[in-house]
Amino acid sequence: LALPHPPLFGFCFARGAPVASGRGSRAPDSAASSWRPSRCCSGPNMPGQLTGHPAPAPGGETCHVPGTSPVPHSRLPLHPWLVVPVVRDALTRLDALANGHMFDARSRAAAGGSPCVRCAVVGNGGILNGSRAGAAIDRHDYVFRTNGALTKGFERDVGRRTSFYVFSTNTMMNSLHNYSSNGFRQLPQTLETRYIFLPDHDRDYLLLRAALTHSPVDRGPDEGARPERYFGKDLWAEKFKMFHPDFIRYVRNRFLRSSILDTPQWRLYRPSTGAVMLLAALHTCDEVSAYGFITPNYRAYSEHYFDLTHKALLFYANHDLRLEMSLWQELHQSRLIMLHTRG
């Protein structure tokens, strides 16, 4: 699946202010990252060696990928709220080699160093309740989770391991608040776990900076929040990654261009956090198994596997879950992912 795509993880932005580019539905995407041939005989995808932008320029200047022209206005990220000093201050601290790779040396060694990278991407859908998929999930080299990633008490169905927790600060805070009564009161915190920010607001950069400086968030709606509350006491830089905004934009425009973009609500729309997580895995793993994602018989299951009573799945304008469902079916039928289904 050698699709051209922009950098997966982001350190540098175009020269000048990273302003919004509107809907961007017809704008070209950034130059492709380098691919290397897969060494996995059965997987359609490339190994997890995709890099983000190079390390930040000295002094934290805005920068662009060497050998390319500065990114034109039509290709800039889709976030109008970006404040250059806030972004620069956070990302210049995200300078470890591991920050630009999905699978760093430590995590690769923990996975046994297999040349074939097998990933389980776990959503929170009710289809997992009673599935007994936990052992199969944990047998993968890496396990991705997001939002209310509750495992305690559900190990038989969803497994125990979390290699990557994918979130925006907004979805993380909402999950901790909304699902606390279900038992989700802290993020996964293991030696294996890495945290991948999906930048959705300047509060993501503020929390990232707080984590990297071992200090409370100094402004905004999360002012005073201590990062160790969410990520544990060991706040070393290699634990953190951040999706490049242009990768999110690419996912939206090339995979999940919803008709919502043609309505007055277009500014509300973005792919769900789970969708970005799954498509990031598709671009970095050799084999991808997707669990807990929406399927055509979604009405037979509660919204989440950890729901105390049955809750119907609701659809809102900020995501297009029906479009995502169609894409998962297409990828599964094309044997690009293995989608867990029941019934």
Protein backbone atom coordinates (compact mmCIF):
# COMPACT_ATOMS: atom_id res chain seq x y z
CA LEU A 1 0.00 0.00 0.00
CA ALA A 2 2.65 2.49 -1.12
CA LEU A 3 0.50 5.59 -0.89
CA PRO A 4 2.19 8.99 -0.99
CA HIS A 5 1.54 10.75 2.27
CA PRO A 6 2.82 13.65 4.32
CA PRO A 7 4.98 13.12 7.42
CA LEU A 8 3.33 11.03 10.12
CA PHE A 9 4.78 12.83 13.12
CA GLY A 10 5.42 16.56 13.20
CA PHE A 11 8.22 18.79 14.38
CA CYS A 12 8.42 21.55 11.79
CA PHE A 13 5.92 23.74 10.04
CA ALA A 14 6.07 25.78 6.88
CA ARG A 15 7.97 29.04 6.94
CA GLY A 16 5.73 31.74 8.36
CA ALA A 17 2.60 31.28 10.37
CA PRO A 18 0.83 27.89 10.06
CA VAL A 19 -2.61 29.20 9.18
CA ALA A 20 -5.71 27.30 8.16
CA SER A 21 -6.16 26.31 4.53
CA GLY A 22 -9.95 26.09 4.52
CA ARG A 23 -11.58 22.82 3.59
CA GLY A 24 -8.58 21.79 1.53
CA SER A 25 -10.53 19.04 -0.16
CA ARG A 26 -8.85 19.55 -3.50
CA ALA A 27 -5.48 20.78 -2.31
CA PRO A 28 -2.48 18.53 -3.02
CA ASP A 29 -0.83 16.83 -0.08
CA SER A 30 2.74 17.26 1.04
CA ALA A 31 5.63 15.38 -0.49
CA ALA A 32 5.69 11.66 0.22
CA SER A 33 7.86 10.24 2.96
CA SER A 34 10.32 7.50 2.06
CA TRP A 35 9.12 3.91 1.98
CA ARG A 36 11.25 0.82 2.22
CA PRO A 37 10.17 -2.63 1.00
CA SER A 38 8.26 -4.79 3.42
CA ARG A 39 10.02 -7.86 4.74
CA CYS A 40 6.74 -9.44 5.76
CA CYS A 41 5.70 -12.07 3.26
CA SER A 42 1.98 -11.85 4.04
CA GLY A 43 1.44 -8.19 4.83
CA PRO A 44 0.44 -5.61 2.22
CA ASN A 45 1.90 -2.66 4.06
CA MET A 46 5.29 -1.19 4.81
CA PRO A 47 7.18 -1.67 8.09
CA GLY A 48 7.01 0.90 10.84
CA GLN A 49 9.91 3.07 9.74
CA LEU A 50 7.99 6.15 8.67
CA THR A 51 9.61 9.25 10.03
CA GLY A 52 8.16 12.62 10.77
CA HIS A 53 9.92 15.83 9.89
CA PRO A 54 13.61 16.13 10.78
CA ALA A 55 14.55 17.35 14.24
CA PRO A 56 13.77 20.99 14.93
CA ALA A 57 16.09 23.60 13.57
CA PRO A 58 18.46 25.17 16.12
CA GLY A 59 16.77 27.90 18.08
CA GLY A 60 13.32 26.56 17.30
CA GLU A 61 12.80 28.37 14.00
CA THR A 62 9.98 27.25 11.78
CA CYS A 63 11.37 25.04 9.06
CA HIS A 64 10.55 22.75 6.15
CA VAL A 65 11.70 19.39 4.88
CA PRO A 66 15.18 19.74 3.32
CA GLY A 67 15.15 19.30 -0.43
CA THR A 68 11.61 20.59 -0.81
CA SER A 69 10.14 24.02 -1.26
CA PRO A 70 8.43 25.64 1.72
CA VAL A 71 4.89 24.29 1.97
CA PRO A 72 2.47 26.56 0.07
CA HIS A 73 -0.62 28.03 1.67
CA SER A 74 -2.93 25.44 0.11
CA ARG A 75 -1.10 22.63 1.90
CA LEU A 76 -0.89 24.07 5.38
CA PRO A 77 -2.60 22.38 8.36
CA LEU A 78 -6.33 22.72 8.79
CA HIS A 79 -6.25 24.17 12.29
CA PRO A 80 -7.02 27.90 12.47
CA TRP A 81 -6.17 28.13 16.17
CA LEU A 82 -2.44 27.44 15.79
CA VAL A 83 -0.33 29.96 17.70
CA VAL A 84 3.22 29.78 16.42
CA PRO A 85 5.08 30.45 19.72
CA VAL A 86 3.02 27.82 21.57
CA VAL A 87 3.58 25.23 18.85
CA ARG A 88 7.28 26.03 18.55
CA ASP A 89 7.89 25.93 22.29
CA ALA A 90 6.33 22.47 22.57
CA LEU A 91 7.76 20.86 19.46
CA THR A 92 11.33 22.06 19.88
CA ARG A 93 11.39 19.97 23.05
CA LEU A 94 10.17 16.90 21.17
CA ASP A 95 13.64 16.29 19.77
CA ALA A 96 14.47 12.66 20.57
CA LEU A 97 14.93 10.31 17.62
CA ALA A 98 12.12 8.13 18.96
CA ASN A 99 9.69 11.06 18.66
CA GLY A 100 9.86 10.83 14.86
CA HIS A 101 9.34 7.07 14.57
CA MET A 102 6.30 5.00 15.41
CA PHE A 103 8.43 2.07 16.51
CA ASP A 104 11.58 3.18 18.30
CA ALA A 105 14.49 0.87 19.12
CA ARG A 106 13.26 0.10 22.62
CA SER A 107 9.75 -0.85 21.55
CA ARG A 108 11.08 -2.87 18.60
CA ALA A 109 13.31 -4.87 20.95
CA ALA A 110 10.36 -5.46 23.27
CA ALA A 111 8.41 -6.84 20.32
CA GLY A 112 11.16 -9.37 19.62
CA GLY A 113 12.66 -7.54 16.65
CA SER A 114 10.46 -9.38 14.15
CA PRO A 115 10.79 -8.04 10.58
CA CYS A 116 7.02 -8.37 10.24
CA VAL A 117 5.22 -5.80 12.37
CA ARG A 118 1.78 -7.03 13.45
CA CYS A 119 -0.51 -4.50 15.11
CA ALA A 120 -3.82 -4.76 16.92
CA VAL A 121 -5.82 -1.52 16.79
CA VAL A 122 -8.49 -1.56 19.47
CA GLY A 123 -11.54 0.69 19.39
CA ASN A 124 -14.10 0.84 22.16
CA GLY A 125 -17.14 -0.57 20.37
CA GLY A 126 -19.64 -2.78 22.16
CA ILE A 127 -18.94 -5.56 19.68
CA LEU A 128 -15.98 -6.46 21.91
CA ASN A 129 -18.14 -7.25 24.93
CA GLY A 130 -18.20 -11.04 25.19
CA SER A 131 -15.86 -11.42 22.21
CA ARG A 132 -13.05 -13.23 24.06
CA ALA A 133 -10.62 -11.50 21.73
CA GLY A 134 -8.21 -10.44 24.48
CA ALA A 135 -5.60 -13.15 24.02
CA ALA A 136 -5.51 -12.62 20.25
CA ILE A 137 -5.09 -8.87 20.75
CA ASP A 138 -2.20 -9.28 23.16
CA ARG A 139 -0.35 -11.67 20.82
CA HIS A 140 0.32 -8.83 18.35
CA ASP A 141 3.65 -7.02 18.38
CA TYR A 142 1.94 -3.74 19.23
CA VAL A 143 -1.47 -2.79 20.61
CA PHE A 144 -3.04 0.62 19.88
CA ARG A 145 -5.86 2.01 22.04
CA THR A 146 -7.72 5.30 22.34
CA ASN A 147 -10.11 7.34 24.50
CA GLY A 148 -11.75 5.19 27.21
CA ALA A 149 -9.14 2.43 26.96
CA LEU A 150 -10.44 0.43 29.90
CA THR A 151 -8.84 -3.00 30.28
CA LYS A 152 -9.23 -3.90 33.96
CA GLY A 153 -12.11 -6.33 34.26
CA PHE A 154 -12.33 -6.74 30.48
CA GLU A 155 -9.02 -8.51 29.84
CA ARG A 156 -10.70 -11.58 28.33
CA ASP A 157 -12.41 -9.44 25.70
CA VAL A 158 -9.93 -6.61 25.02
CA GLY A 159 -6.56 -7.78 26.34
CA ARG A 160 -4.14 -6.20 28.79
CA ARG A 161 -1.43 -4.51 26.75
CA THR A 162 -1.25 -0.94 25.49
CA SER A 163 1.73 -0.06 23.30
CA PHE A 164 0.27 3.24 22.05
CA TYR A 165 -2.46 5.41 23.52
CA VAL A 166 -3.80 7.84 20.90
CA PHE A 167 -5.71 10.92 22.03
CA SER A 168 -6.32 14.61 21.85
CA THR A 169 -6.36 16.45 25.15
CA ASN A 170 -10.06 17.07 24.63
CA THR A 171 -10.93 13.40 24.01
CA MET A 172 -8.72 12.30 26.90
CA MET A 173 -10.29 14.71 29.37
CA ASN A 174 -13.80 13.85 28.18
CA SER A 175 -13.08 10.13 28.48
CA LEU A 176 -11.74 10.43 32.03
CA HIS A 177 -14.83 12.43 32.99
CA ASN A 178 -17.51 10.53 31.11
CA TYR A 179 -16.29 6.98 31.75
CA SER A 180 -15.06 7.28 35.34
CA SER A 181 -18.22 5.55 36.56
CA ASN A 182 -17.33 2.65 34.25
CA GLY A 183 -13.88 2.34 35.85
CA PHE A 184 -11.76 4.43 33.47
CA ARG A 185 -9.95 6.74 35.89
CA GLN A 186 -6.44 6.84 34.47
CA LEU A 187 -4.69 6.30 31.16
CA PRO A 188 -2.73 3.12 30.49
CA GLN A 189 0.60 3.52 32.29
CA THR A 190 3.05 0.71 31.59
CA LEU A 191 6.72 0.59 30.56
CA GLU A 192 5.53 -0.35 27.08
CA THR A 193 3.07 2.52 26.65
CA ARG A 194 3.81 5.48 24.39
CA TYR A 195 1.45 8.46 24.10
CA ILE A 196 0.51 9.88 20.69
CA PHE A 197 -1.10 13.32 20.66
CA LEU A 198 -3.60 14.06 17.91
CA PRO A 199 -3.39 17.88 17.78
CA ASP A 200 -6.92 19.21 17.90
CA HIS A 201 -6.39 22.45 19.83
CA ASP A 202 -3.60 24.52 21.33
CA ARG A 203 -4.27 22.74 24.63
CA ASP A 204 -2.54 19.67 23.12
CA TYR A 205 0.68 21.63 22.67
CA LEU A 206 0.35 23.14 26.14
CA LEU A 207 -0.07 19.72 27.77
CA LEU A 208 2.80 18.29 25.71
CA ARG A 209 5.08 21.14 26.78
CA ALA A 210 4.05 20.64 30.40
CA ALA A 211 4.92 16.95 30.18
CA LEU A 212 8.30 17.63 28.59
CA THR A 213 9.18 20.32 31.16
CA HIS A 214 7.79 18.40 34.16
CA SER A 215 5.60 21.33 35.09
CA PRO A 216 1.88 22.10 35.36
CA VAL A 217 -0.01 23.42 32.34
CA ASP A 218 0.49 27.18 32.55
CA ARG A 219 -2.58 28.51 30.72
CA GLY A 220 -5.82 27.65 28.99
CA PRO A 221 -8.71 25.45 30.13
CA ASP A 222 -6.31 22.91 31.69
CA GLU A 223 -4.27 25.46 33.64
CA GLY A 224 -2.74 23.85 36.71
CA ALA A 225 -3.15 20.29 35.44
CA ARG A 226 -0.11 18.16 36.25
CA PRO A 227 0.99 15.84 33.41
CA GLU A 228 2.09 13.05 35.76
CA ARG A 229 -1.59 12.64 36.64
CA TYR A 230 -2.13 11.38 33.09
CA PHE A 231 1.19 9.91 31.96
CA GLY A 232 2.83 8.69 35.17
CA LYS A 233 5.85 10.03 37.05
CA ASP A 234 8.47 9.14 34.44
CA LEU A 235 7.98 11.96 31.94
CA TRP A 236 10.87 11.28 29.58
CA ALA A 237 10.61 12.67 26.06
CA GLU A 238 10.76 9.29 24.31
CA LYS A 239 7.31 8.44 25.70
CA PHE A 240 5.60 11.07 23.54
CA LYS A 241 4.78 11.54 19.88
CA MET A 242 2.48 13.91 18.02
CA PHE A 243 0.77 13.39 14.68
CA HIS A 244 1.68 15.99 12.10
CA PRO A 245 -1.43 18.09 11.36
CA ASP A 246 -0.84 17.54 7.66
CA PHE A 247 -1.11 13.77 8.16
CA ILE A 248 -4.52 14.28 9.76
CA ARG A 249 -5.50 16.53 6.87
CA TYR A 250 -4.31 13.88 4.40
CA VAL A 251 -6.40 11.22 6.17
CA ARG A 252 -9.43 13.49 5.98
CA ASN A 253 -9.01 14.43 2.32
CA ARG A 254 -7.84 11.12 0.86
CA PHE A 255 -9.64 8.51 2.95
CA LEU A 256 -12.53 10.17 4.77
CA ARG A 257 -13.69 13.13 2.72
CA SER A 258 -17.19 13.38 4.11
CA SER A 259 -20.13 15.12 2.48
CA ILE A 260 -20.26 17.13 5.73
CA LEU A 261 -17.47 19.20 4.18
CA ASP A 262 -20.03 20.47 1.66
CA THR A 263 -22.41 21.74 4.35
CA PRO A 264 -22.39 24.78 6.65
CA GLN A 265 -21.12 22.45 9.41
CA TRP A 266 -17.87 21.68 7.55
CA ARG A 267 -15.69 23.34 10.19
CA LEU A 268 -16.93 20.86 12.79
CA TYR A 269 -15.85 17.78 10.88
CA ARG A 270 -12.75 15.68 11.39
CA PRO A 271 -12.12 11.94 11.29
CA SER A 272 -12.64 10.27 14.64
CA THR A 273 -9.62 9.69 16.87
CA GLY A 274 -10.04 5.96 16.32
CA ALA A 275 -10.04 6.43 12.55
CA VAL A 276 -6.79 8.41 12.61
CA MET A 277 -5.30 5.75 14.88
CA LEU A 278 -6.30 2.91 12.56
CA LEU A 279 -5.07 4.66 9.42
CA ALA A 280 -1.78 5.56 11.10
CA ALA A 281 -1.31 1.88 11.92
CA LEU A 282 -2.16 1.00 8.32
CA HIS A 283 0.68 3.25 7.20
CA THR A 284 3.25 1.84 9.64
CA CYS A 285 2.46 -1.81 10.37
CA ASP A 286 2.79 -4.81 8.06
CA GLU A 287 -0.38 -6.47 9.30
CA VAL A 288 -3.26 -4.66 10.98
CA SER A 289 -6.09 -6.25 12.93
CA ALA A 290 -8.91 -3.87 13.90
CA TYR A 291 -11.08 -4.66 16.92
CA GLY A 292 -14.01 -2.72 18.34
CA PHE A 293 -14.69 -0.63 15.23
CA ILE A 294 -18.11 0.07 13.77
CA THR A 295 -19.59 -2.68 11.57
CA PRO A 296 -22.89 -2.84 9.62
CA ASN A 297 -24.62 -4.66 12.49
CA TYR A 298 -23.65 -1.98 15.04
CA ARG A 299 -27.25 -1.75 16.29
CA ALA A 300 -26.87 -5.18 17.87
CA TYR A 301 -24.27 -3.85 20.30
CA SER A 302 -23.96 -1.12 22.87
CA GLU A 303 -21.88 1.95 22.04
CA HIS A 304 -18.95 0.79 24.22
CA TYR A 305 -17.82 -2.60 25.46
CA PHE A 306 -17.70 -1.27 29.03
CA ASP A 307 -21.22 0.23 29.12
CA LEU A 308 -23.14 -0.76 32.24
CA THR A 309 -26.43 -0.76 30.31
CA HIS A 310 -27.14 -0.83 26.59
CA LYS A 311 -26.53 2.54 24.91
CA ALA A 312 -27.39 3.07 21.27
CA LEU A 313 -24.65 4.51 19.09
CA LEU A 314 -25.42 8.12 18.19
CA PHE A 315 -24.15 10.01 15.15
CA TYR A 316 -22.96 13.62 15.32
CA ALA A 317 -21.78 16.11 12.70
CA ASN A 318 -18.19 16.25 13.95
CA HIS A 319 -17.52 12.70 12.66
CA ASP A 320 -18.89 10.62 9.79
CA LEU A 321 -19.04 7.16 11.34
CA ARG A 322 -21.01 5.71 8.43
CA LEU A 323 -18.25 6.75 6.04
CA GLU A 324 -15.69 5.24 8.38
CA MET A 325 -17.70 2.02 8.53
CA SER A 326 -17.73 1.86 4.74
CA LEU A 327 -13.96 2.39 4.61
CA TRP A 328 -13.29 -0.37 7.16
CA GLN A 329 -15.42 -2.75 5.11
CA GLU A 330 -13.53 -1.85 1.94
CA LEU A 331 -10.12 -2.27 3.59
CA HIS A 332 -11.19 -5.59 5.09
CA GLN A 333 -12.52 -6.91 1.78
CA SER A 334 -9.29 -5.81 0.10
CA ARG A 335 -7.34 -7.74 2.77
CA LEU A 336 -5.52 -4.60 3.86
CA ILE A 337 -6.81 -5.00 7.41
CA MET A 338 -8.43 -7.81 9.35
CA LEU A 339 -11.64 -6.34 10.77
CA HIS A 340 -13.05 -8.18 13.77
CA THR A 341 -16.73 -8.92 13.16
CA ARG A 342 -19.45 -10.96 14.85
CA GLY A 343 -22.79 -12.32 13.79
